[in-house]
PDB file of N, CA and C in Angstrom:
ATOM      1  N   UNK A   1      18.526 -37.416  58.060  1.00  0.00           N
ATOM      2  CA  UNK A   1      17.781 -36.998  57.156  1.00  0.00           C
ATOM      3  C   UNK A   1      16.648 -36.347  57.049  1.00  0.00           C
ATOM      4  N   UNK A   2      16.847 -34.737  56.457  1.00  0.00           N
ATOM      5  CA  UNK A   2      15.694 -33.617  56.833  1.00  0.00           C
ATOM      6  C   UNK A   2      13.998 -34.359  56.350  1.00  0.00           C
ATOM      7  N   UNK A   3      13.137 -33.650  56.593  1.00  0.00           N
ATOM      8  CA  UNK A   3      12.300 -34.207  56.158  1.00  0.00           C
ATOM      9  C   UNK A   3      10.822 -33.596  54.824  1.00  0.00           C
ATOM     10  N   UNK A   4      11.547 -34.663  53.817  1.00  0.00           N
ATOM     11  CA  UNK A   4      11.557 -33.226  52.164  1.00  0.00           C
ATOM     12  C   UNK A   4      10.147 -33.040  52.739  1.00  0.00           C
ATOM     13  N   UNK A   5       9.172 -33.829  52.942  1.00  0.00           N
ATOM     14  CA  UNK A   5       7.753 -33.752  52.516  1.00  0.00           C
ATOM     15  C   UNK A   5       6.935 -33.018  53.307  1.00  0.00           C
ATOM     16  N   UNK A   6       7.595 -32.967  54.492  1.00  0.00           N
ATOM     17  CA  UNK A   6       7.100 -31.549  55.525  1.00  0.00           C
ATOM     18  C   UNK A   6       7.301 -30.699  54.766  1.00  0.00           C
ATOM     19  N   UNK A   7       8.519 -29.904  54.307  1.00  0.00           N
ATOM     20  CA  UNK A   7       8.747 -28.628  53.984  1.00  0.00           C
ATOM     21  C   UNK A   7       8.594 -28.707  52.632  1.00  0.00           C
ATOM     22  N   UNK A   8       7.944 -29.471  52.037  1.00  0.00           N
ATOM     23  CA  UNK A   8       6.623 -28.891  50.912  1.00  0.00           C
ATOM     24  C   UNK A   8       5.842 -28.874  51.678  1.00  0.00           C
ATOM     25  N   UNK A   9       5.211 -29.257  52.350  1.00  0.00           N
ATOM     26  CA  UNK A   9       3.168 -29.384  53.407  1.00  0.00           C
ATOM     27  C   UNK A   9       3.859 -28.094  53.768  1.00  0.00           C
ATOM     28  N   UNK A  10       5.012 -27.505  54.289  1.00  0.00           N
ATOM     29  CA  UNK A  10       4.888 -26.317  54.875  1.00  0.00           C
ATOM     30  C   UNK A  10       5.109 -25.066  53.645  1.00  0.00           C
ATOM     31  N   UNK A  11       5.576 -25.025  52.902  1.00  0.00           N
ATOM     32  CA  UNK A  11       6.165 -24.127  51.987  1.00  0.00           C
ATOM     33  C   UNK A  11       4.867 -23.551  51.217  1.00  0.00           C
ATOM     34  N   UNK A  12       4.796 -22.513  51.338  1.00  0.00           N
ATOM     35  CA  UNK A  12       3.965 -21.164  51.057  1.00  0.00           C
ATOM     36  C   UNK A  12       4.138 -21.059  49.653  1.00  0.00           C
ATOM     37  N   UNK A  13       3.376 -20.728  48.246  1.00  0.00           N
ATOM     38  CA  UNK A  13       3.950 -20.404  47.219  1.00  0.00           C
ATOM     39  C   UNK A  13       2.294 -20.464  46.615  1.00  0.00           C
ATOM     40  N   UNK A  14       2.214 -19.753  45.808  1.00  0.00           N
ATOM     41  CA  UNK A  14       0.905 -18.959  45.461  1.00  0.00           C
ATOM     42  C   UNK A  14       0.395 -20.456  44.269  1.00  0.00           C
ATOM     43  N   UNK A  15      -0.891 -20.734  44.788  1.00  0.00           N
ATOM     44  CA  UNK A  15      -1.506 -22.186  44.404  1.00  0.00           C
ATOM     45  C   UNK A  15      -1.708 -21.848  42.874  1.00  0.00           C
ATOM     46  N   UNK A  16      -1.598 -21.220  42.231  1.00  0.00           N
ATOM     47  CA  UNK A  16      -1.026 -21.329  40.636  1.00  0.00           C
ATOM     48  C   UNK A  16       0.031 -21.790  40.363  1.00  0.00           C
ATOM     49  N   UNK A  17       1.174 -21.132  41.068  1.00  0.00           N
ATOM     50  CA  UNK A  17       2.754 -21.577  40.622  1.00  0.00           C
ATOM     51  C   UNK A  17       2.959 -23.269  41.047  1.00  0.00           C
ATOM     52  N   UNK A  18       2.166 -23.452  42.071  1.00  0.00           N
ATOM     53  CA  UNK A  18       1.890 -25.174  42.281  1.00  0.00           C
ATOM     54  C   UNK A  18       1.417 -25.599  41.775  1.00  0.00           C
ATOM     55  N   UNK A  19       0.268 -25.401  41.031  1.00  0.00           N
ATOM     56  CA  UNK A  19      -0.545 -26.581  40.364  1.00  0.00           C
ATOM     57  C   UNK A  19       0.034 -26.449  38.652  1.00  0.00           C
ATOM     58  N   UNK A  20       1.103 -25.104  38.508  1.00  0.00           N
ATOM     59  CA  UNK A  20       1.750 -25.626  37.275  1.00  0.00           C
ATOM     60  C   UNK A  20       2.751 -26.394  37.594  1.00  0.00           C
ATOM     61  N   UNK A  21       3.076 -26.444  38.581  1.00  0.00           N
ATOM     62  CA  UNK A  21       5.073 -27.010  38.413  1.00  0.00           C
ATOM     63  C   UNK A  21       4.068 -28.480  38.713  1.00  0.00           C
ATOM     64  N   UNK A  22       2.696 -29.374  39.403  1.00  0.00           N
ATOM     65  CA  UNK A  22       2.532 -30.326  39.487  1.00  0.00           C
ATOM     66  C   UNK A  22       2.221 -30.470  37.516  1.00  0.00           C
ATOM     67  N   UNK A  23       1.510 -30.614  36.919  1.00  0.00           N
ATOM     68  CA  UNK A  23       1.568 -30.066  35.606  1.00  0.00           C
ATOM     69  C   UNK A  23       2.443 -30.459  34.527  1.00  0.00           C
ATOM     70  N   UNK A  24       3.663 -29.978  35.182  1.00  0.00           N
ATOM     71  CA  UNK A  24       4.888 -29.868  35.052  1.00  0.00           C
ATOM     72  C   UNK A  24       5.836 -31.451  34.835  1.00  0.00           C
ATOM     73  N   UNK A  25       5.166 -31.687  35.911  1.00  0.00           N
ATOM     74  CA  UNK A  25       6.119 -33.052  36.105  1.00  0.00           C
ATOM     75  C   UNK A  25       6.143 -33.988  34.871  1.00  0.00           C
ATOM     76  N   UNK A  26       4.633 -34.518  34.816  1.00  0.00           N
ATOM     77  CA  UNK A  26       5.082 -35.489  33.088  1.00  0.00           C
ATOM     78  C   UNK A  26       6.020 -34.684  32.051  1.00  0.00           C
ATOM     79  N   UNK A  27       6.389 -33.183  31.715  1.00  0.00           N
ATOM     80  CA  UNK A  27       7.743 -33.078  30.996  1.00  0.00           C
ATOM     81  C   UNK A  27       8.943 -33.149  31.965  1.00  0.00           C
ATOM     82  N   UNK A  28       9.514 -33.886  32.791  1.00  0.00           N
ATOM     83  CA  UNK A  28      10.928 -33.883  33.860  1.00  0.00           C
ATOM     84  C   UNK A  28      11.523 -34.814  33.533  1.00  0.00           C
ATOM     85  N   UNK A  29      12.793 -33.922  32.505  1.00  0.00           N
ATOM     86  CA  UNK A  29      13.664 -35.031  32.466  1.00  0.00           C
ATOM     87  C   UNK A  29      15.312 -35.348  33.313  1.00  0.00           C
ATOM     88  N   UNK A  30      14.583 -35.454  34.013  1.00  0.00           N
ATOM     89  CA  UNK A  30      15.740 -35.716  35.461  1.00  0.00           C
ATOM     90  C   UNK A  30      16.831 -35.556  34.948  1.00  0.00           C
ATOM     91  N   UNK A  31      18.316 -35.983  34.037  1.00  0.00           N
ATOM     92  CA  UNK A  31      19.477 -35.948  33.638  1.00  0.00           C
ATOM     93  C   UNK A  31      19.935 -34.510  33.078  1.00  0.00           C
ATOM     94  N   UNK A  32      18.383 -34.238  31.983  1.00  0.00           N
ATOM     95  CA  UNK A  32      18.745 -33.120  31.671  1.00  0.00           C
ATOM     96  C   UNK A  32      18.619 -31.493  32.720  1.00  0.00           C
ATOM     97  N   UNK A  33      17.780 -32.113  32.914  1.00  0.00           N
ATOM     98  CA  UNK A  33      16.999 -31.024  34.428  1.00  0.00           C
ATOM     99  C   UNK A  33      18.379 -30.418  35.208  1.00  0.00           C
ATOM    100  N   UNK A  34      18.448 -31.429  36.252  1.00  0.00           N
ATOM    101  CA  UNK A  34      19.354 -31.645  37.388  1.00  0.00           C
ATOM    102  C   UNK A  34      21.238 -30.925  36.584  1.00  0.00           C
ATOM    103  N   UNK A  35      21.552 -31.572  35.157  1.00  0.00           N
ATOM    104  CA  UNK A  35      22.515 -30.993  34.628  1.00  0.00           C
ATOM    105  C   UNK A  35      22.346 -29.497  34.987  1.00  0.00           C
ATOM    106  N   UNK A  36      21.473 -29.088  34.552  1.00  0.00           N
ATOM    107  CA  UNK A  36      21.739 -26.991  34.621  1.00  0.00           C
ATOM    108  C   UNK A  36      21.538 -27.071  35.736  1.00  0.00           C
ATOM    109  N   UNK A  37      20.364 -27.341  36.492  1.00  0.00           N
ATOM    110  CA  UNK A  37      19.657 -26.641  38.103  1.00  0.00           C
ATOM    111  C   UNK A  37      20.913 -26.666  38.885  1.00  0.00           C
ATOM    112  N   UNK A  38      21.118 -28.543  39.201  1.00  0.00           N
ATOM    113  CA  UNK A  38      22.328 -28.791  40.217  1.00  0.00           C
ATOM    114  C   UNK A  38      23.227 -29.332  39.606  1.00  0.00           C
ATOM    115  N   UNK A  39      23.992 -29.393  38.903  1.00  0.00           N
ATOM    116  CA  UNK A  39      25.317 -29.771  38.185  1.00  0.00           C
ATOM    117  C   UNK A  39      26.146 -30.729  39.452  1.00  0.00           C
ATOM    118  N   UNK A  40      26.168 -31.854  39.010  1.00  0.00           N
ATOM    119  CA  UNK A  40      27.271 -32.651  39.593  1.00  0.00           C
ATOM    120  C   UNK A  40      26.181 -33.675  40.416  1.00  0.00           C
ATOM    121  N   UNK A  41      24.466 -33.280  41.159  1.00  0.00           N
ATOM    122  CA  UNK A  41      24.172 -34.038  41.836  1.00  0.00           C
ATOM    123  C   UNK A  41      22.890 -34.961  41.261  1.00  0.00           C
ATOM    124  N   UNK A  42      23.721 -36.689  41.950  1.00  0.00           N
ATOM    125  CA  UNK A  42      22.360 -37.631  41.328  1.00  0.00           C
ATOM    126  C   UNK A  42      21.807 -37.819  42.741  1.00  0.00           C
ATOM    127  N   UNK A  43      22.568 -37.808  43.791  1.00  0.00           N
ATOM    128  CA  UNK A  43      21.350 -38.307  44.781  1.00  0.00           C
ATOM    129  C   UNK A  43      20.362 -37.380  44.915  1.00  0.00           C
ATOM    130  N   UNK A  44      18.945 -38.207  44.828  1.00  0.00           N
ATOM    131  CA  UNK A  44      17.814 -37.417  44.812  1.00  0.00           C
ATOM    132  C   UNK A  44      17.893 -36.632  46.522  1.00  0.00           C
ATOM    133  N   UNK A  45      18.941 -36.918  47.308  1.00  0.00           N
ATOM    134  CA  UNK A  45      18.147 -36.308  48.837  1.00  0.00           C
ATOM    135  C   UNK A  45      19.032 -35.364  48.870  1.00  0.00           C
ATOM    136  N   UNK A  46      20.376 -35.327  48.488  1.00  0.00           N
ATOM    137  CA  UNK A  46      21.122 -34.287  48.067  1.00  0.00           C
ATOM    138  C   UNK A  46      21.178 -33.471  47.292  1.00  0.00           C
ATOM    139  N   UNK A  47      20.292 -33.605  46.266  1.00  0.00           N
ATOM    140  CA  UNK A  47      19.294 -32.875  45.385  1.00  0.00           C
ATOM    141  C   UNK A  47      18.475 -32.001  45.408  1.00  0.00           C
ATOM    142  N   UNK A  48      17.479 -32.837  45.696  1.00  0.00           N
ATOM    143  CA  UNK A  48      16.609 -32.044  47.018  1.00  0.00           C
ATOM    144  C   UNK A  48      16.986 -30.762  47.407  1.00  0.00           C
ATOM    145  N   UNK A  49      17.947 -30.996  48.613  1.00  0.00           N
ATOM    146  CA  UNK A  49      18.631 -29.927  49.663  1.00  0.00           C
ATOM    147  C   UNK A  49      19.274 -28.548  48.923  1.00  0.00           C
ATOM    148  N   UNK A  50      19.598 -28.692  47.314  1.00  0.00           N
ATOM    149  CA  UNK A  50      20.269 -28.225  46.893  1.00  0.00           C
ATOM    150  C   UNK A  50      18.994 -27.483  45.903  1.00  0.00           C
ATOM    151  N   UNK A  51      18.284 -27.915  45.642  1.00  0.00           N
ATOM    152  CA  UNK A  51      17.149 -26.926  44.918  1.00  0.00           C
ATOM    153  C   UNK A  51      15.955 -26.491  45.773  1.00  0.00           C
ATOM    154  N   UNK A  52      15.772 -26.605  47.381  1.00  0.00           N
ATOM    155  CA  UNK A  52      15.115 -25.822  48.036  1.00  0.00           C
ATOM    156  C   UNK A  52      15.881 -24.954  48.132  1.00  0.00           C
ATOM    157  N   UNK A  53      17.274 -24.944  48.241  1.00  0.00           N
ATOM    158  CA  UNK A  53      17.827 -23.646  48.374  1.00  0.00           C
ATOM    159  C   UNK A  53      17.829 -22.889  47.390  1.00  0.00           C
ATOM    160  N   UNK A  54      18.202 -23.139  45.855  1.00  0.00           N
ATOM    161  CA  UNK A  54      17.542 -22.481  44.909  1.00  0.00           C
ATOM    162  C   UNK A  54      16.450 -21.756  44.982  1.00  0.00           C
ATOM    163  N   UNK A  55      14.927 -22.528  45.197  1.00  0.00           N
ATOM    164  CA  UNK A  55      13.749 -22.435  45.549  1.00  0.00           C
ATOM    165  C   UNK A  55      13.715 -20.844  46.544  1.00  0.00           C
ATOM    166  N   UNK A  56      14.660 -21.108  47.307  1.00  0.00           N
ATOM    167  CA  UNK A  56      14.348 -20.039  48.667  1.00  0.00           C
ATOM    168  C   UNK A  56      14.764 -18.798  47.793  1.00  0.00           C
ATOM    169  N   UNK A  57      15.976 -18.910  47.452  1.00  0.00           N
ATOM    170  CA  UNK A  57      16.279 -17.660  46.737  1.00  0.00           C
ATOM    171  C   UNK A  57      15.831 -17.092  45.878  1.00  0.00           C
ATOM    172  N   UNK A  58      14.934 -17.778  44.761  1.00  0.00           N
ATOM    173  CA  UNK A  58      14.003 -17.325  44.015  1.00  0.00           C
ATOM    174  C   UNK A  58      12.231 -16.638  44.248  1.00  0.00           C
ATOM    175  N   UNK A  59      12.567 -17.673  45.528  1.00  0.00           N
ATOM    176  CA  UNK A  59      11.585 -16.654  46.060  1.00  0.00           C
ATOM    177  C   UNK A  59      11.402 -15.517  46.936  1.00  0.00           C
ATOM    178  N   UNK A  60      12.833 -15.623  47.405  1.00  0.00           N
ATOM    179  CA  UNK A  60      12.918 -14.081  48.407  1.00  0.00           C
ATOM    180  C   UNK A  60      13.160 -12.935  46.823  1.00  0.00           C
ATOM    181  N   UNK A  61      13.413 -13.872  45.884  1.00  0.00           N
ATOM    182  CA  UNK A  61      13.622 -12.224  44.362  1.00  0.00           C
ATOM    183  C   UNK A  61      12.430 -12.372  44.160  1.00  0.00           C
ATOM    184  N   UNK A  62      11.552 -13.004  44.192  1.00  0.00           N
ATOM    185  CA  UNK A  62       9.921 -13.010  44.037  1.00  0.00           C
ATOM    186  C   UNK A  62       9.333 -12.163  44.393  1.00  0.00           C
ATOM    187  N   UNK A  63       9.054 -11.927  45.965  1.00  0.00           N
ATOM    188  CA  UNK A  63       8.543 -10.658  47.293  1.00  0.00           C
ATOM    189  C   UNK A  63       9.316  -9.874  47.079  1.00  0.00           C
ATOM    190  N   UNK A  64      10.580  -9.896  46.435  1.00  0.00           N
ATOM    191  CA  UNK A  64      10.635  -8.743  46.542  1.00  0.00           C
ATOM    192  C   UNK A  64      10.583  -7.598  45.252  1.00  0.00           C
ATOM    193  N   UNK A  65       9.996  -8.153  44.698  1.00  0.00           N
ATOM    194  CA  UNK A  65       9.741  -7.894  43.272  1.00  0.00           C
ATOM    195  C   UNK A  65      10.668  -7.394  42.525  1.00  0.00           C
ATOM    196  N   UNK A  66      11.666  -7.800  42.474  1.00  0.00           N
ATOM    197  CA  UNK A  66      12.560  -7.555  41.783  1.00  0.00           C
ATOM    198  C   UNK A  66      12.522  -8.043  40.442  1.00  0.00           C
ATOM    199  N   UNK A  67      12.661  -7.035  39.211  1.00  0.00           N
ATOM    200  CA  UNK A  67      12.709  -7.011  38.028  1.00  0.00           C
ATOM    201  C   UNK A  67      13.514  -8.071  37.327  1.00  0.00           C
ATOM    202  N   UNK A  68      14.591  -8.780  38.425  1.00  0.00           N
ATOM    203  CA  UNK A  68      15.080 -10.150  37.459  1.00  0.00           C
ATOM    204  C   UNK A  68      14.380 -11.713  38.147  1.00  0.00           C
ATOM    205  N   UNK A  69      13.434 -11.362  38.531  1.00  0.00           N
ATOM    206  CA  UNK A  69      13.089 -12.372  38.797  1.00  0.00           C
ATOM    207  C   UNK A  69      12.643 -13.414  37.893  1.00  0.00           C
ATOM    208  N   UNK A  70      12.167 -14.612  37.420  1.00  0.00           N
ATOM    209  CA  UNK A  70      11.916 -15.043  36.459  1.00  0.00           C
ATOM    210  C   UNK A  70      11.025 -16.452  36.674  1.00  0.00           C
ATOM    211  N   UNK A  71       9.680 -16.315  36.582  1.00  0.00           N
ATOM    212  CA  UNK A  71       8.995 -17.329  36.947  1.00  0.00           C
ATOM    213  C   UNK A  71       9.437 -18.700  36.024  1.00  0.00           C
ATOM    214  N   UNK A  72       9.875 -19.181  35.038  1.00  0.00           N
ATOM    215  CA  UNK A  72       9.710 -20.134  34.549  1.00  0.00           C
ATOM    216  C   UNK A  72      11.271 -20.839  34.997  1.00  0.00           C
ATOM    217  N   UNK A  73      12.062 -20.200  35.618  1.00  0.00           N
ATOM    218  CA  UNK A  73      13.219 -20.173  36.780  1.00  0.00           C
ATOM    219  C   UNK A  73      12.487 -21.343  37.657  1.00  0.00           C
ATOM    220  N   UNK A  74      11.967 -20.249  38.321  1.00  0.00           N
ATOM    221  CA  UNK A  74      11.274 -20.619  39.996  1.00  0.00           C
ATOM    222  C   UNK A  74      10.431 -22.231  39.423  1.00  0.00           C
ATOM    223  N   UNK A  75       9.500 -21.989  37.961  1.00  0.00           N
ATOM    224  CA  UNK A  75       8.948 -23.322  38.230  1.00  0.00           C
ATOM    225  C   UNK A  75       9.683 -24.878  37.603  1.00  0.00           C
ATOM    226  N   UNK A  76      11.027 -24.301  36.305  1.00  0.00           N
ATOM    227  CA  UNK A  76      11.513 -25.245  36.685  1.00  0.00           C
ATOM    228  C   UNK A  76      11.861 -25.945  38.339  1.00  0.00           C
ATOM    229  N   UNK A  77      12.353 -25.068  39.156  1.00  0.00           N
ATOM    230  CA  UNK A  77      13.138 -25.423  40.082  1.00  0.00           C
ATOM    231  C   UNK A  77      12.004 -26.307  40.936  1.00  0.00           C
ATOM    232  N   UNK A  78      10.651 -25.742  40.968  1.00  0.00           N
ATOM    233  CA  UNK A  78       9.420 -26.423  41.702  1.00  0.00           C
ATOM    234  C   UNK A  78       9.037 -27.698  40.638  1.00  0.00           C
ATOM    235  N   UNK A  79       9.568 -27.790  39.693  1.00  0.00           N
ATOM    236  CA  UNK A  79       8.695 -28.674  39.385  1.00  0.00           C
ATOM    237  C   UNK A  79      10.050 -30.039  39.266  1.00  0.00           C
ATOM    238  N   UNK A  80      11.550 -29.484  39.342  1.00  0.00           N
ATOM    239  CA  UNK A  80      12.448 -30.877  39.729  1.00  0.00           C
ATOM    240  C   UNK A  80      12.252 -31.350  41.137  1.00  0.00           C
ATOM    241  N   UNK A  81      11.958 -30.354  42.261  1.00  0.00           N
ATOM    242  CA  UNK A  81      11.731 -31.026  44.198  1.00  0.00           C
ATOM    243  C   UNK A  81      10.710 -31.722  43.675  1.00  0.00           C
ATOM    244  N   UNK A  82       9.908 -31.572  42.823  1.00  0.00           N
ATOM    245  CA  UNK A  82       7.942 -32.058  43.499  1.00  0.00           C
ATOM    246  C   UNK A  82       9.316 -33.660  42.895  1.00  0.00           C
ATOM    247  N   UNK A  83       9.576 -33.777  41.802  1.00  0.00           N
ATOM    248  CA  UNK A  83      10.036 -35.285  40.900  1.00  0.00           C
ATOM    249  C   UNK A  83      10.798 -35.882  41.845  1.00  0.00           C
ATOM    250  N   UNK A  84      11.601 -35.581  42.430  1.00  0.00           N
ATOM    251  CA  UNK A  84      13.226 -35.912  43.278  1.00  0.00           C
ATOM    252  C   UNK A  84      12.165 -36.041  44.419  1.00  0.00           C
ATOM    253  N   UNK A  85      11.299 -35.651  45.373  1.00  0.00           N
ATOM    254  CA  UNK A  85      11.080 -35.788  46.347  1.00  0.00           C
ATOM    255  C   UNK A  85      10.030 -36.922  46.109  1.00  0.00           C
ATOM    256  N   UNK A  86       9.709 -37.235  45.398  1.00  0.00           N
ATOM    257  CA  UNK A  86       9.200 -38.493  44.536  1.00  0.00           C
ATOM    258  C   UNK A  86       9.569 -39.592  44.376  1.00  0.00           C
ATOM    259  N   UNK A  87      11.013 -39.513  44.455  1.00  0.00           N
ATOM    260  CA  UNK A  87      11.872 -40.836  44.104  1.00  0.00           C
ATOM    261  C   UNK A  87      12.564 -41.008  45.339  1.00  0.00           C
ATOM    262  N   UNK A  88      12.034 -39.936  46.721  1.00  0.00           N
ATOM    263  CA  UNK A  88      12.806 -40.779  47.821  1.00  0.00           C
ATOM    264  C   UNK A  88      11.194 -40.799  48.810  1.00  0.00           C
ATOM    265  N   UNK A  89      10.252 -41.077  48.096  1.00  0.00           N
ATOM    266  CA  UNK A  89       9.594 -41.844  48.392  1.00  0.00           C
ATOM    267  C   UNK A  89       9.212 -42.961  48.024  1.00  0.00           C
ATOM    268  N   UNK A  90      10.484 -43.724  46.861  1.00  0.00           N
ATOM    269  CA  UNK A  90       9.329 -44.679  46.835  1.00  0.00           C
ATOM    270  C   UNK A  90      10.528 -45.967  47.306  1.00  0.00           C
ATOM    271  N   UNK A  91      10.309 -46.943  47.495  1.00  0.00           N
ATOM    272  CA  UNK A  91      10.704 -48.140  48.521  1.00  0.00           C
ATOM    273  C   UNK A  91      12.036 -47.906  47.787  1.00  0.00           C
ATOM    274  N   UNK A  92      13.265 -48.820  48.376  1.00  0.00           N
ATOM    275  CA  UNK A  92      13.751 -48.872  47.682  1.00  0.00           C
ATOM    276  C   UNK A  92      13.892 -50.124  47.173  1.00  0.00           C
ATOM    277  N   UNK A  93      14.265 -50.527  45.709  1.00  0.00           N
ATOM    278  CA  UNK A  93      14.958 -52.080  45.016  1.00  0.00           C
ATOM    279  C   UNK A  93      15.445 -52.820  45.571  1.00  0.00           C
ATOM    280  N   UNK A  94      15.364 -53.851  45.539  1.00  0.00           N
ATOM    281  CA  UNK A  94      16.469 -54.724  45.832  1.00  0.00           C
ATOM    282  C   UNK A  94      16.430 -55.949  46.079  1.00  0.00           C
TER     283      UNK A  94
END
């Protein structure tokens, strides 16, 4: 199992982007967002892995200055990553 918290801690993104993502957590609706961002995934661990791949591609696009970069899409993916990692942190109920 990957340590997603470590990956998040090492992620270097503009502070304004990360701040906006943290503020957006309140509006995160798991079912609706994941259906659009990573269709077919339900496991938080697999979801985070796929979201990290998507975000990495978005970051490469941002850094290259490509006109196709969407800050809104990047923000949605970052919000989803933060929310899904928080699900992994919760102790299992049983």
